[in-house]
Amino acid sequence: MTNLCLWFPPTADNHMEGWLSVPNKQNIKKYGWRKQYVVVSSRKVLFYSSEADKQKYAPMLVLDIE
């Protein structure tokens, strides 16, 4: 597993968001990749199926960064 280090300059609205390709399963040659909409803040990474889902639904996955 690779460690990821994120640094954000201090601002009032401290987050980034956009599309991220993630593997469907461990064997990417067989199962491929899928796009997910991701919101990254200084404390969490939130995964959604689409940008519209961000407004309507709870995230599919939440990762705590600490």
C-alpha atoms as a PDB file:
ATOM      1  CA  MET A   1       0.000   0.000   0.000  1.00  0.00           C
ATOM      2  CA  THR A   2       1.242   3.476  -0.849  1.00  0.00           C
ATOM      3  CA  ASN A   3       0.979   6.304   1.662  1.00  0.00           C
ATOM      4  CA  LEU A   4      -0.513   9.547   0.416  1.00  0.00           C
ATOM      5  CA  CYS A   5       0.401  12.894   1.922  1.00  0.00           C
ATOM      6  CA  LEU A   6      -1.887  15.845   1.266  1.00  0.00           C
ATOM      7  CA  TRP A   7      -1.115  19.442   2.188  1.00  0.00           C
ATOM      8  CA  PHE A   8      -3.580  22.311   1.943  1.00  0.00           C
ATOM      9  CA  PRO A   9      -2.710  25.967   2.452  1.00  0.00           C
ATOM     10  CA  PRO A  10      -4.919  27.434   5.200  1.00  0.00           C
ATOM     11  CA  THR A  11      -8.115  28.925   3.771  1.00  0.00           C
ATOM     12  CA  ALA A  12     -11.692  29.361   4.959  1.00  0.00           C
ATOM     13  CA  ASP A  13     -13.061  26.714   2.555  1.00  0.00           C
ATOM     14  CA  ASN A  14     -10.315  24.123   2.659  1.00  0.00           C
ATOM     15  CA  HIS A  15     -11.304  21.396   0.174  1.00  0.00           C
ATOM     16  CA  MET A  16     -10.735  20.067  -3.331  1.00  0.00           C
ATOM     17  CA  GLU A  17     -13.149  18.063  -5.439  1.00  0.00           C
ATOM     18  CA  GLY A  18     -13.239  16.341  -8.796  1.00  0.00           C
ATOM     19  CA  TRP A  19     -13.241  13.036 -10.646  1.00  0.00           C
ATOM     20  CA  LEU A  20     -10.931  10.171  -9.700  1.00  0.00           C
ATOM     21  CA  SER A  21     -10.470   6.827 -11.457  1.00  0.00           C
ATOM     22  CA  VAL A  22     -10.412   3.943  -8.994  1.00  0.00           C
ATOM     23  CA  PRO A  23      -9.935   0.229  -9.725  1.00  0.00           C
ATOM     24  CA  ASN A  24     -13.103  -1.898  -9.792  1.00  0.00           C
ATOM     25  CA  LYS A  25     -11.279  -4.789  -8.145  1.00  0.00           C
ATOM     26  CA  GLN A  26      -7.678  -5.789  -7.528  1.00  0.00           C
ATOM     27  CA  ASN A  27      -7.168  -7.104 -11.078  1.00  0.00           C
ATOM     28  CA  ILE A  28      -7.447  -3.913 -13.156  1.00  0.00           C
ATOM     29  CA  LYS A  29      -6.633  -5.725 -16.418  1.00  0.00           C
ATOM     30  CA  LYS A  30      -9.695  -7.937 -15.978  1.00  0.00           C
ATOM     31  CA  TYR A  31     -12.139  -5.560 -14.242  1.00  0.00           C
ATOM     32  CA  GLY A  32     -10.905  -2.113 -15.310  1.00  0.00           C
ATOM     33  CA  TRP A  33     -11.444   1.269 -13.698  1.00  0.00           C
ATOM     34  CA  ARG A  34     -14.466   3.364 -12.740  1.00  0.00           C
ATOM     35  CA  LYS A  35     -14.783   7.082 -12.164  1.00  0.00           C
ATOM     36  CA  GLN A  36     -15.979   8.412  -8.826  1.00  0.00           C
ATOM     37  CA  TYR A  37     -16.554  11.979  -7.707  1.00  0.00           C
ATOM     38  CA  VAL A  38     -14.301  12.756  -4.730  1.00  0.00           C
ATOM     39  CA  VAL A  39     -14.284  15.596  -2.193  1.00  0.00           C
ATOM     40  CA  VAL A  40     -11.058  15.985  -0.199  1.00  0.00           C
ATOM     41  CA  SER A  41     -10.912  18.156   2.916  1.00  0.00           C
ATOM     42  CA  SER A  42      -8.182  18.526   5.518  1.00  0.00           C
ATOM     43  CA  ARG A  43      -9.742  15.683   7.565  1.00  0.00           C
ATOM     44  CA  LYS A  44     -11.742  13.435   5.187  1.00  0.00           C
ATOM     45  CA  VAL A  45     -11.987  12.005   1.682  1.00  0.00           C
ATOM     46  CA  LEU A  46     -15.601  11.503   0.529  1.00  0.00           C
ATOM     47  CA  PHE A  47     -16.445   9.249  -2.456  1.00  0.00           C
ATOM     48  CA  TYR A  48     -19.667   9.665  -4.502  1.00  0.00           C
ATOM     49  CA  SER A  49     -20.980   7.954  -7.652  1.00  0.00           C
ATOM     50  CA  SER A  50     -21.476  11.309  -9.389  1.00  0.00           C
ATOM     51  CA  GLU A  51     -21.288  15.035  -8.796  1.00  0.00           C
ATOM     52  CA  ALA A  52     -25.109  15.159  -8.555  1.00  0.00           C
ATOM     53  CA  ASP A  53     -25.046  12.494  -5.810  1.00  0.00           C
ATOM     54  CA  LYS A  54     -22.985  14.862  -3.668  1.00  0.00           C
ATOM     55  CA  GLN A  55     -26.053  17.082  -3.219  1.00  0.00           C
ATOM     56  CA  LYS A  56     -28.619  14.282  -2.795  1.00  0.00           C
ATOM     57  CA  TYR A  57     -27.007  11.327  -1.014  1.00  0.00           C
ATOM     58  CA  ALA A  58     -24.555  10.379   1.702  1.00  0.00           C
ATOM     59  CA  PRO A  59     -21.093   9.419   0.412  1.00  0.00           C
ATOM     60  CA  MET A  60     -20.462   5.817  -0.676  1.00  0.00           C
ATOM     61  CA  LEU A  61     -17.204   5.784   1.276  1.00  0.00           C
ATOM     62  CA  VAL A  62     -15.595   8.107   3.830  1.00  0.00           C
ATOM     63  CA  LEU A  63     -11.880   7.938   4.643  1.00  0.00           C
ATOM     64  CA  ASP A  64     -10.560   9.801   7.683  1.00  0.00           C
ATOM     65  CA  ILE A  65      -7.215  11.557   7.217  1.00  0.00           C
ATOM     66  CA  GLU A  66      -5.286  11.911  10.431  1.00  0.00           C
END
